[in-house]
Amino acid sequence: MLLRESASRPNIHVTFFGGETLLNVSVMRSTVEYAKRRSAELNKKVEFSLTTNGTLLTEEIIEFLSEHRVGVTVSMDGDKELNDRQRIFHDGRGATTSLSRK
């Protein structure tokens, strides 16, 4: 519908947000793949972005986001200490630990 209703606009932007976007990564993936395929058929350019707290990012997801040039906004709950108290991995690490890659 978005592509159809965009009329003569050559560029479309889709943002995934609300709750934790990556909880339903399969829907995000299929939407990106479908929209890219359909937009190419209609000679339009579609871009994507998403908002995440970062706790569900994996190498596989990062690779997909990079491959499809999906912009990523990482939300934080305050400073490192407060964020890590609010967003904890199953192994007990705070979420900001995963954001500091070497």
PDB file of N, CA and C in Angstrom:
ATOM      1  N   MET A   1       0.827  -1.187   0.000  1.00  0.00           N
ATOM      2  CA  MET A   1       0.000   0.000   0.000  1.00  0.00           C
ATOM      3  C   MET A   1       0.876   1.259   0.000  1.00  0.00           C
ATOM      4  N   LEU A   2       1.920   1.264   0.807  1.00  0.00           N
ATOM      5  CA  LEU A   2       2.805   2.435   0.860  1.00  0.00           C
ATOM      6  C   LEU A   2       3.385   2.741  -0.510  1.00  0.00           C
ATOM      7  N   LEU A   3       3.859   1.720  -1.191  1.00  0.00           N
ATOM      8  CA  LEU A   3       4.424   1.930  -2.530  1.00  0.00           C
ATOM      9  C   LEU A   3       3.358   2.428  -3.499  1.00  0.00           C
ATOM     10  N   ARG A   4       2.202   1.833  -3.439  1.00  0.00           N
ATOM     11  CA  ARG A   4       1.120   2.221  -4.337  1.00  0.00           C
ATOM     12  C   ARG A   4       0.676   3.670  -4.087  1.00  0.00           C
ATOM     13  N   GLU A   5       0.566   4.043  -2.836  1.00  0.00           N
ATOM     14  CA  GLU A   5       0.066   5.375  -2.477  1.00  0.00           C
ATOM     15  C   GLU A   5       1.132   6.463  -2.554  1.00  0.00           C
ATOM     16  N   SER A   6       2.366   6.091  -2.812  1.00  0.00           N
ATOM     17  CA  SER A   6       3.434   7.097  -2.861  1.00  0.00           C
ATOM     18  C   SER A   6       3.432   7.898  -4.153  1.00  0.00           C
ATOM     19  N   ALA A   7       2.503   7.544  -5.050  1.00  0.00           N
ATOM     20  CA  ALA A   7       2.321   8.273  -6.312  1.00  0.00           C
ATOM     21  C   ALA A   7       3.649   8.437  -7.049  1.00  0.00           C
ATOM     22  N   SER A   8       4.009   9.670  -7.365  1.00  0.00           N
ATOM     23  CA  SER A   8       5.211   9.905  -8.162  1.00  0.00           C
ATOM     24  C   SER A   8       6.476  10.082  -7.314  1.00  0.00           C
ATOM     25  N   ARG A   9       6.357   9.924  -6.016  1.00  0.00           N
ATOM     26  CA  ARG A   9       7.540  10.076  -5.161  1.00  0.00           C
ATOM     27  C   ARG A   9       8.534   8.956  -5.458  1.00  0.00           C
ATOM     28  N   PRO A  10       9.762   9.297  -5.795  1.00  0.00           N
ATOM     29  CA  PRO A  10      10.733   8.250  -6.138  1.00  0.00           C
ATOM     30  C   PRO A  10      11.377   7.592  -4.913  1.00  0.00           C
ATOM     31  N   ASN A  11      11.318   8.273  -3.754  1.00  0.00           N
ATOM     32  CA  ASN A  11      11.972   7.769  -2.550  1.00  0.00           C
ATOM     33  C   ASN A  11      10.964   7.546  -1.432  1.00  0.00           C
ATOM     34  N   ILE A  12      11.144   6.427  -0.730  1.00  0.00           N
ATOM     35  CA  ILE A  12      10.265   6.072   0.379  1.00  0.00           C
ATOM     36  C   ILE A  12      11.146   5.670   1.548  1.00  0.00           C
ATOM     37  N   HIS A  13      10.746   6.043   2.747  1.00  0.00           N
ATOM     38  CA  HIS A  13      11.502   5.650   3.936  1.00  0.00           C
ATOM     39  C   HIS A  13      10.563   4.933   4.904  1.00  0.00           C
ATOM     40  N   VAL A  14      10.995   3.778   5.390  1.00  0.00           N
ATOM     41  CA  VAL A  14      10.232   2.982   6.347  1.00  0.00           C
ATOM     42  C   VAL A  14      11.058   2.872   7.624  1.00  0.00           C
ATOM     43  N   THR A  15      10.434   3.209   8.763  1.00  0.00           N
ATOM     44  CA  THR A  15      11.097   3.086  10.056  1.00  0.00           C
ATOM     45  C   THR A  15      10.354   2.065  10.901  1.00  0.00           C
ATOM     46  N   PHE A  16      11.100   1.131  11.458  1.00  0.00           N
ATOM     47  CA  PHE A  16      10.548   0.145  12.384  1.00  0.00           C
ATOM     48  C   PHE A  16      10.825   0.637  13.799  1.00  0.00           C
ATOM     49  N   PHE A  17       9.762   0.812  14.614  1.00  0.00           N
ATOM     50  CA  PHE A  17       9.946   1.243  15.991  1.00  0.00           C
ATOM     51  C   PHE A  17       8.720   0.871  16.801  1.00  0.00           C
ATOM     52  N   GLY A  18       8.812   1.054  18.077  1.00  0.00           N
ATOM     53  CA  GLY A  18       7.701   0.743  18.969  1.00  0.00           C
ATOM     54  C   GLY A  18       7.945  -0.591  19.656  1.00  0.00           C
ATOM     55  N   GLY A  19       8.045  -0.579  20.951  1.00  0.00           N
ATOM     56  CA  GLY A  19       8.444  -1.802  21.635  1.00  0.00           C
ATOM     57  C   GLY A  19       9.885  -2.099  21.248  1.00  0.00           C
ATOM     58  N   GLU A  20      10.253  -3.349  21.240  1.00  0.00           N
ATOM     59  CA  GLU A  20      11.602  -3.734  20.788  1.00  0.00           C
ATOM     60  C   GLU A  20      11.486  -4.331  19.398  1.00  0.00           C
ATOM     61  N   THR A  21      11.923  -3.595  18.406  1.00  0.00           N
ATOM     62  CA  THR A  21      11.807  -3.973  17.000  1.00  0.00           C
ATOM     63  C   THR A  21      12.339  -5.370  16.718  1.00  0.00           C
ATOM     64  N   LEU A  22      13.448  -5.729  17.326  1.00  0.00           N
ATOM     65  CA  LEU A  22      14.101  -6.990  16.997  1.00  0.00           C
ATOM     66  C   LEU A  22      13.461  -8.201  17.663  1.00  0.00           C
ATOM     67  N   LEU A  23      12.414  -7.991  18.478  1.00  0.00           N
ATOM     68  CA  LEU A  23      11.674  -9.139  19.010  1.00  0.00           C
ATOM     69  C   LEU A  23      10.969  -9.900  17.892  1.00  0.00           C
ATOM     70  N   ASN A  24      10.694  -9.213  16.792  1.00  0.00           N
ATOM     71  CA  ASN A  24      10.042  -9.861  15.653  1.00  0.00           C
ATOM     72  C   ASN A  24      10.897  -9.627  14.413  1.00  0.00           C
ATOM     73  N   VAL A  25      12.143 -10.062  14.499  1.00  0.00           N
ATOM     74  CA  VAL A  25      13.105  -9.820  13.428  1.00  0.00           C
ATOM     75  C   VAL A  25      12.676 -10.469  12.117  1.00  0.00           C
ATOM     76  N   SER A  26      11.944 -11.571  12.166  1.00  0.00           N
ATOM     77  CA  SER A  26      11.515 -12.226  10.927  1.00  0.00           C
ATOM     78  C   SER A  26      10.559 -11.340  10.132  1.00  0.00           C
ATOM     79  N   VAL A  27       9.693 -10.598  10.809  1.00  0.00           N
ATOM     80  CA  VAL A  27       8.790  -9.675  10.108  1.00  0.00           C
ATOM     81  C   VAL A  27       9.586  -8.521   9.505  1.00  0.00           C
ATOM     82  N   MET A  28      10.547  -8.001  10.256  1.00  0.00           N
ATOM     83  CA  MET A  28      11.376  -6.920   9.733  1.00  0.00           C
ATOM     84  C   MET A  28      12.139  -7.385   8.492  1.00  0.00           C
ATOM     85  N   ARG A  29      12.736  -8.569   8.558  1.00  0.00           N
ATOM     86  CA  ARG A  29      13.486  -9.105   7.417  1.00  0.00           C
ATOM     87  C   ARG A  29      12.596  -9.282   6.193  1.00  0.00           C
ATOM     88  N   SER A  30      11.451  -9.922   6.383  1.00  0.00           N
ATOM     89  CA  SER A  30      10.575 -10.171   5.228  1.00  0.00           C
ATOM     90  C   SER A  30      10.027  -8.867   4.657  1.00  0.00           C
ATOM     91  N   THR A  31       9.769  -7.892   5.507  1.00  0.00           N
ATOM     92  CA  THR A  31       9.285  -6.589   5.039  1.00  0.00           C
ATOM     93  C   THR A  31      10.351  -5.889   4.206  1.00  0.00           C
ATOM     94  N   VAL A  32      11.584  -5.892   4.684  1.00  0.00           N
ATOM     95  CA  VAL A  32      12.687  -5.259   3.949  1.00  0.00           C
ATOM     96  C   VAL A  32      12.865  -5.937   2.591  1.00  0.00           C
ATOM     97  N   GLU A  33      12.908  -7.246   2.597  1.00  0.00           N
ATOM     98  CA  GLU A  33      13.110  -7.974   1.338  1.00  0.00           C
ATOM     99  C   GLU A  33      11.966  -7.742   0.360  1.00  0.00           C
ATOM    100  N   TYR A  34      10.725  -7.782   0.857  1.00  0.00           N
ATOM    101  CA  TYR A  34       9.558  -7.542  -0.003  1.00  0.00           C
ATOM    102  C   TYR A  34       9.564  -6.115  -0.550  1.00  0.00           C
ATOM    103  N   ALA A  35       9.772  -5.145   0.318  1.00  0.00           N
ATOM    104  CA  ALA A  35       9.736  -3.738  -0.104  1.00  0.00           C
ATOM    105  C   ALA A  35      10.841  -3.428  -1.112  1.00  0.00           C
ATOM    106  N   LYS A  36      12.013  -4.005  -0.925  1.00  0.00           N
ATOM    107  CA  LYS A  36      13.101  -3.774  -1.886  1.00  0.00           C
ATOM    108  C   LYS A  36      12.749  -4.372  -3.249  1.00  0.00           C
ATOM    109  N   ARG A  37      12.201  -5.578  -3.235  1.00  0.00           N
ATOM    110  CA  ARG A  37      11.826  -6.229  -4.485  1.00  0.00           C
ATOM    111  C   ARG A  37      10.727  -5.438  -5.209  1.00  0.00           C
ATOM    112  N   ARG A  38       9.677  -5.064  -4.488  1.00  0.00           N
ATOM    113  CA  ARG A  38       8.560  -4.335  -5.094  1.00  0.00           C
ATOM    114  C   ARG A  38       8.967  -2.926  -5.526  1.00  0.00           C
ATOM    115  N   SER A  39       9.772  -2.251  -4.727  1.00  0.00           N
ATOM    116  CA  SER A  39      10.176  -0.891  -5.099  1.00  0.00           C
ATOM    117  C   SER A  39      11.023  -0.919  -6.360  1.00  0.00           C
ATOM    118  N   ALA A  40      11.860  -1.922  -6.517  1.00  0.00           N
ATOM    119  CA  ALA A  40      12.667  -2.043  -7.739  1.00  0.00           C
ATOM    120  C   ALA A  40      11.759  -2.237  -8.951  1.00  0.00           C
ATOM    121  N   GLU A  41      10.709  -3.029  -8.789  1.00  0.00           N
ATOM    122  CA  GLU A  41       9.751  -3.237  -9.881  1.00  0.00           C
ATOM    123  C   GLU A  41       9.058  -1.943 -10.276  1.00  0.00           C
ATOM    124  N   LEU A  42       8.858  -1.050  -9.306  1.00  0.00           N
ATOM    125  CA  LEU A  42       8.164   0.216  -9.542  1.00  0.00           C
ATOM    126  C   LEU A  42       9.123   1.375  -9.787  1.00  0.00           C
ATOM    127  N   ASN A  43      10.423   1.065  -9.895  1.00  0.00           N
ATOM    128  CA  ASN A  43      11.444   2.073 -10.127  1.00  0.00           C
ATOM    129  C   ASN A  43      11.456   3.142  -9.030  1.00  0.00           C
ATOM    130  N   LYS A  44      11.346   2.689  -7.791  1.00  0.00           N
ATOM    131  CA  LYS A  44      11.409   3.568  -6.632  1.00  0.00           C
ATOM    132  C   LYS A  44      12.559   3.116  -5.746  1.00  0.00           C
ATOM    133  N   LYS A  45      12.999   4.014  -4.883  1.00  0.00           N
ATOM    134  CA  LYS A  45      14.044   3.686  -3.927  1.00  0.00           C
ATOM    135  C   LYS A  45      13.425   3.658  -2.533  1.00  0.00           C
ATOM    136  N   VAL A  46      13.661   2.583  -1.811  1.00  0.00           N
ATOM    137  CA  VAL A  46      13.145   2.486  -0.453  1.00  0.00           C
ATOM    138  C   VAL A  46      14.317   2.349   0.513  1.00  0.00           C
ATOM    139  N   GLU A  47      14.249   3.107   1.605  1.00  0.00           N
ATOM    140  CA  GLU A  47      15.270   3.082   2.645  1.00  0.00           C
ATOM    141  C   GLU A  47      14.615   2.683   3.957  1.00  0.00           C
ATOM    142  N   PHE A  48      15.419   2.168   4.880  1.00  0.00           N
ATOM    143  CA  PHE A  48      14.888   1.658   6.142  1.00  0.00           C
ATOM    144  C   PHE A  48      15.713   2.154   7.313  1.00  0.00           C
ATOM    145  N   SER A  49      15.050   2.222   8.453  1.00  0.00           N
ATOM    146  CA  SER A  49      15.739   2.465   9.717  1.00  0.00           C
ATOM    147  C   SER A  49      14.950   1.761  10.810  1.00  0.00           C
ATOM    148  N   LEU A  50      15.585   1.594  11.948  1.00  0.00           N
ATOM    149  CA  LEU A  50      14.893   0.985  13.079  1.00  0.00           C
ATOM    150  C   LEU A  50      15.451   1.536  14.375  1.00  0.00           C
ATOM    151  N   THR A  51      14.652   1.399  15.422  1.00  0.00           N
ATOM    152  CA  THR A  51      15.074   1.769  16.766  1.00  0.00           C
ATOM    153  C   THR A  51      15.110   0.500  17.594  1.00  0.00           C
ATOM    154  N   THR A  52      16.189   0.304  18.324  1.00  0.00           N
ATOM    155  CA  THR A  52      16.367  -0.882  19.159  1.00  0.00           C
ATOM    156  C   THR A  52      17.101  -0.505  20.430  1.00  0.00           C
ATOM    157  N   ASN A  53      16.934  -1.311  21.468  1.00  0.00           N
ATOM    158  CA  ASN A  53      17.735  -1.085  22.671  1.00  0.00           C
ATOM    159  C   ASN A  53      19.070  -1.809  22.578  1.00  0.00           C
ATOM    160  N   GLY A  54      19.271  -2.568  21.508  1.00  0.00           N
ATOM    161  CA  GLY A  54      20.558  -3.197  21.240  1.00  0.00           C
ATOM    162  C   GLY A  54      20.758  -4.553  21.880  1.00  0.00           C
ATOM    163  N   THR A  55      19.873  -4.962  22.772  1.00  0.00           N
ATOM    164  CA  THR A  55      20.106  -6.212  23.504  1.00  0.00           C
ATOM    165  C   THR A  55      19.960  -7.456  22.638  1.00  0.00           C
ATOM    166  N   LEU A  56      19.252  -7.373  21.527  1.00  0.00           N
ATOM    167  CA  LEU A  56      19.029  -8.547  20.685  1.00  0.00           C
ATOM    168  C   LEU A  56      19.895  -8.557  19.429  1.00  0.00           C
ATOM    169  N   LEU A  57      20.794  -7.588  19.312  1.00  0.00           N
ATOM    170  CA  LEU A  57      21.677  -7.566  18.147  1.00  0.00           C
ATOM    171  C   LEU A  57      22.626  -8.759  18.175  1.00  0.00           C
ATOM    172  N   THR A  58      22.690  -9.458  17.063  1.00  0.00           N
ATOM    173  CA  THR A  58      23.630 -10.569  16.892  1.00  0.00           C
ATOM    174  C   THR A  58      24.452 -10.275  15.647  1.00  0.00           C
ATOM    175  N   GLU A  59      25.515 -11.033  15.454  1.00  0.00           N
ATOM    176  CA  GLU A  59      26.313 -10.857  14.243  1.00  0.00           C
ATOM    177  C   GLU A  59      25.451 -11.059  12.998  1.00  0.00           C
ATOM    178  N   GLU A  60      24.567 -12.037  13.018  1.00  0.00           N
ATOM    179  CA  GLU A  60      23.694 -12.313  11.874  1.00  0.00           C
ATOM    180  C   GLU A  60      22.769 -11.134  11.581  1.00  0.00           C
ATOM    181  N   ILE A  61      22.173 -10.574  12.616  1.00  0.00           N
ATOM    182  CA  ILE A  61      21.277  -9.429  12.432  1.00  0.00           C
ATOM    183  C   ILE A  61      22.066  -8.213  11.955  1.00  0.00           C
ATOM    184  N   ILE A  62      23.217  -7.975  12.550  1.00  0.00           N
ATOM    185  CA  ILE A  62      24.052  -6.844  12.137  1.00  0.00           C
ATOM    186  C   ILE A  62      24.435  -6.981  10.670  1.00  0.00           C
ATOM    187  N   GLU A  63      24.767  -8.181  10.249  1.00  0.00           N
ATOM    188  CA  GLU A  63      25.118  -8.420   8.847  1.00  0.00           C
ATOM    189  C   GLU A  63      23.934  -8.101   7.926  1.00  0.00           C
ATOM    190  N   PHE A  64      22.734  -8.540   8.313  1.00  0.00           N
ATOM    191  CA  PHE A  64      21.543  -8.250   7.515  1.00  0.00           C
ATOM    192  C   PHE A  64      21.308  -6.741   7.433  1.00  0.00           C
ATOM    193  N   LEU A  65      21.377  -6.055   8.572  1.00  0.00           N
ATOM    194  CA  LEU A  65      21.157  -4.607   8.603  1.00  0.00           C
ATOM    195  C   LEU A  65      22.178  -3.881   7.740  1.00  0.00           C
ATOM    196  N   SER A  66      23.405  -4.308   7.814  1.00  0.00           N
ATOM    197  CA  SER A  66      24.461  -3.696   7.017  1.00  0.00           C
ATOM    198  C   SER A  66      24.248  -3.965   5.529  1.00  0.00           C
ATOM    199  N   GLU A  67      23.959  -5.196   5.197  1.00  0.00           N
ATOM    200  CA  GLU A  67      23.739  -5.574   3.794  1.00  0.00           C
ATOM    201  C   GLU A  67      22.609  -4.774   3.160  1.00  0.00           C
ATOM    202  N   HIS A  68      21.557  -4.493   3.942  1.00  0.00           N
ATOM    203  CA  HIS A  68      20.396  -3.774   3.419  1.00  0.00           C
ATOM    204  C   HIS A  68      20.415  -2.294   3.793  1.00  0.00           C
ATOM    205  N   ARG A  69      21.541  -1.845   4.343  1.00  0.00           N
ATOM    206  CA  ARG A  69      21.744  -0.437   4.675  1.00  0.00           C
ATOM    207  C   ARG A  69      20.617   0.129   5.545  1.00  0.00           C
ATOM    208  N   VAL A  70      20.250  -0.636   6.557  1.00  0.00           N
ATOM    209  CA  VAL A  70      19.210  -0.212   7.500  1.00  0.00           C
ATOM    210  C   VAL A  70      19.864   0.665   8.554  1.00  0.00           C
ATOM    211  N   GLY A  71      19.384   1.905   8.676  1.00  0.00           N
ATOM    212  CA  GLY A  71      19.888   2.802   9.710  1.00  0.00           C
ATOM    213  C   GLY A  71      19.429   2.309  11.072  1.00  0.00           C
ATOM    214  N   VAL A  72      20.288   2.422  12.075  1.00  0.00           N
ATOM    215  CA  VAL A  72      19.981   1.910  13.412  1.00  0.00           C
ATOM    216  C   VAL A  72      20.118   3.026  14.443  1.00  0.00           C
ATOM    217  N   THR A  73      19.072   3.207  15.233  1.00  0.00           N
ATOM    218  CA  THR A  73      19.108   4.098  16.385  1.00  0.00           C
ATOM    219  C   THR A  73      19.040   3.220  17.615  1.00  0.00           C
ATOM    220  N   VAL A  74      20.003   3.395  18.533  1.00  0.00           N
ATOM    221  CA  VAL A  74      20.014   2.612  19.764  1.00  0.00           C
ATOM    222  C   VAL A  74      19.510   3.501  20.895  1.00  0.00           C
ATOM    223  N   SER A  75      18.438   3.057  21.534  1.00  0.00           N
ATOM    224  CA  SER A  75      17.893   3.809  22.659  1.00  0.00           C
ATOM    225  C   SER A  75      18.594   3.379  23.945  1.00  0.00           C
ATOM    226  N   MET A  76      18.746   4.307  24.856  1.00  0.00           N
ATOM    227  CA  MET A  76      19.418   4.040  26.129  1.00  0.00           C
ATOM    228  C   MET A  76      18.520   4.526  27.258  1.00  0.00           C
ATOM    229  N   ASP A  77      18.600   3.857  28.398  1.00  0.00           N
ATOM    230  CA  ASP A  77      17.872   4.278  29.599  1.00  0.00           C
ATOM    231  C   ASP A  77      18.819   5.000  30.546  1.00  0.00           C
ATOM    232  N   GLY A  78      19.214   6.199  30.180  1.00  0.00           N
ATOM    233  CA  GLY A  78      20.082   6.979  31.053  1.00  0.00           C
ATOM    234  C   GLY A  78      21.543   6.640  30.873  1.00  0.00           C
ATOM    235  N   ASP A  79      22.320   6.874  31.943  1.00  0.00           N
ATOM    236  CA  ASP A  79      23.754   6.601  31.882  1.00  0.00           C
ATOM    237  C   ASP A  79      24.012   5.091  31.907  1.00  0.00           C
ATOM    238  N   LYS A  80      25.291   4.700  31.797  1.00  0.00           N
ATOM    239  CA  LYS A  80      25.655   3.277  31.710  1.00  0.00           C
ATOM    240  C   LYS A  80      25.090   2.472  32.886  1.00  0.00           C
ATOM    241  N   GLU A  81      25.245   2.971  34.100  1.00  0.00           N
ATOM    242  CA  GLU A  81      24.809   2.228  35.277  1.00  0.00           C
ATOM    243  C   GLU A  81      23.291   2.031  35.286  1.00  0.00           C
ATOM    244  N   LEU A  82      22.539   3.084  35.017  1.00  0.00           N
ATOM    245  CA  LEU A  82      21.081   2.975  34.997  1.00  0.00           C
ATOM    246  C   LEU A  82      20.626   2.074  33.850  1.00  0.00           C
ATOM    247  N   ASN A  83      21.201   2.275  32.668  1.00  0.00           N
ATOM    248  CA  ASN A  83      20.838   1.442  31.516  1.00  0.00           C
ATOM    249  C   ASN A  83      21.087  -0.039  31.817  1.00  0.00           C
ATOM    250  N   ASP A  84      22.246  -0.346  32.407  1.00  0.00           N
ATOM    251  CA  ASP A  84      22.582  -1.743  32.690  1.00  0.00           C
ATOM    252  C   ASP A  84      21.705  -2.345  33.791  1.00  0.00           C
ATOM    253  N   ARG A  85      21.152  -1.531  34.657  1.00  0.00           N
ATOM    254  CA  ARG A  85      20.202  -2.053  35.656  1.00  0.00           C
ATOM    255  C   ARG A  85      18.858  -2.364  35.002  1.00  0.00           C
ATOM    256  N   GLN A  86      18.483  -1.590  33.975  1.00  0.00           N
ATOM    257  CA  GLN A  86      17.189  -1.758  33.321  1.00  0.00           C
ATOM    258  C   GLN A  86      17.208  -2.818  32.228  1.00  0.00           C
ATOM    259  N   ARG A  87      18.335  -2.979  31.555  1.00  0.00           N
ATOM    260  CA  ARG A  87      18.441  -3.870  30.394  1.00  0.00           C
ATOM    261  C   ARG A  87      19.545  -4.887  30.640  1.00  0.00           C
ATOM    262  N   ILE A  88      19.130  -6.067  31.031  1.00  0.00           N
ATOM    263  CA  ILE A  88      20.072  -7.098  31.448  1.00  0.00           C
ATOM    264  C   ILE A  88      19.912  -8.328  30.561  1.00  0.00           C
ATOM    265  N   PHE A  89      21.047  -8.873  30.113  1.00  0.00           N
ATOM    266  CA  PHE A  89      21.041 -10.117  29.356  1.00  0.00           C
ATOM    267  C   PHE A  89      20.771 -11.290  30.296  1.00  0.00           C
ATOM    268  N   HIS A  90      20.428 -12.433  29.709  1.00  0.00           N
ATOM    269  CA  HIS A  90      20.158 -13.630  30.499  1.00  0.00           C
ATOM    270  C   HIS A  90      21.362 -14.062  31.331  1.00  0.00           C
ATOM    271  N   ASP A  91      22.551 -13.748  30.862  1.00  0.00           N
ATOM    272  CA  ASP A  91      23.750 -14.142  31.607  1.00  0.00           C
ATOM    273  C   ASP A  91      24.148 -13.112  32.671  1.00  0.00           C
ATOM    274  N   GLY A  92      23.325 -12.080  32.852  1.00  0.00           N
ATOM    275  CA  GLY A  92      23.561 -11.095  33.895  1.00  0.00           C
ATOM    276  C   GLY A  92      24.319  -9.855  33.468  1.00  0.00           C
ATOM    277  N   ARG A  93      24.880  -9.843  32.250  1.00  0.00           N
ATOM    278  CA  ARG A  93      25.604  -8.669  31.761  1.00  0.00           C
ATOM    279  C   ARG A  93      24.624  -7.545  31.457  1.00  0.00           C
ATOM    280  N   GLY A  94      25.046  -6.329  31.706  1.00  0.00           N
ATOM    281  CA  GLY A  94      24.264  -5.178  31.302  1.00  0.00           C
ATOM    282  C   GLY A  94      24.339  -4.959  29.811  1.00  0.00           C
ATOM    283  N   ALA A  95      23.324  -4.352  29.235  1.00  0.00           N
ATOM    284  CA  ALA A  95      23.223  -4.194  27.784  1.00  0.00           C
ATOM    285  C   ALA A  95      24.353  -3.375  27.169  1.00  0.00           C
ATOM    286  N   THR A  96      24.890  -2.417  27.896  1.00  0.00           N
ATOM    287  CA  THR A  96      25.941  -1.596  27.287  1.00  0.00           C
ATOM    288  C   THR A  96      27.226  -2.403  27.076  1.00  0.00           C
ATOM    289  N   THR A  97      27.366  -3.520  27.754  1.00  0.00           N
ATOM    290  CA  THR A  97      28.527  -4.379  27.559  1.00  0.00           C
ATOM    291  C   THR A  97      28.609  -4.836  26.116  1.00  0.00           C
ATOM    292  N   SER A  98      27.461  -5.176  25.505  1.00  0.00           N
ATOM    293  CA  SER A  98      27.448  -5.669  24.128  1.00  0.00           C
ATOM    294  C   SER A  98      27.741  -4.569  23.113  1.00  0.00           C
ATOM    295  N   LEU A  99      27.575  -3.314  23.501  1.00  0.00           N
ATOM    296  CA  LEU A  99      27.786  -2.217  22.574  1.00  0.00           C
ATOM    297  C   LEU A  99      29.262  -1.838  22.456  1.00  0.00           C
ATOM    298  N   SER A 100      30.074  -2.282  23.382  1.00  0.00           N
ATOM    299  CA  SER A 100      31.496  -1.935  23.339  1.00  0.00           C
ATOM    300  C   SER A 100      32.269  -3.085  22.719  1.00  0.00           C
ATOM    301  N   ARG A 101      32.273  -3.114  21.379  1.00  0.00           N
ATOM    302  CA  ARG A 101      32.971  -4.160  20.631  1.00  0.00           C
ATOM    303  C   ARG A 101      34.421  -3.761  20.444  1.00  0.00           C
ATOM    304  N   LYS A 102      35.278  -4.756  20.402  1.00  0.00           N
ATOM    305  CA  LYS A 102      36.707  -4.484  20.200  1.00  0.00           C
ATOM    306  C   LYS A 102      37.078  -4.722  18.773  1.00  0.00           C
TER     307      LYS A 102
END
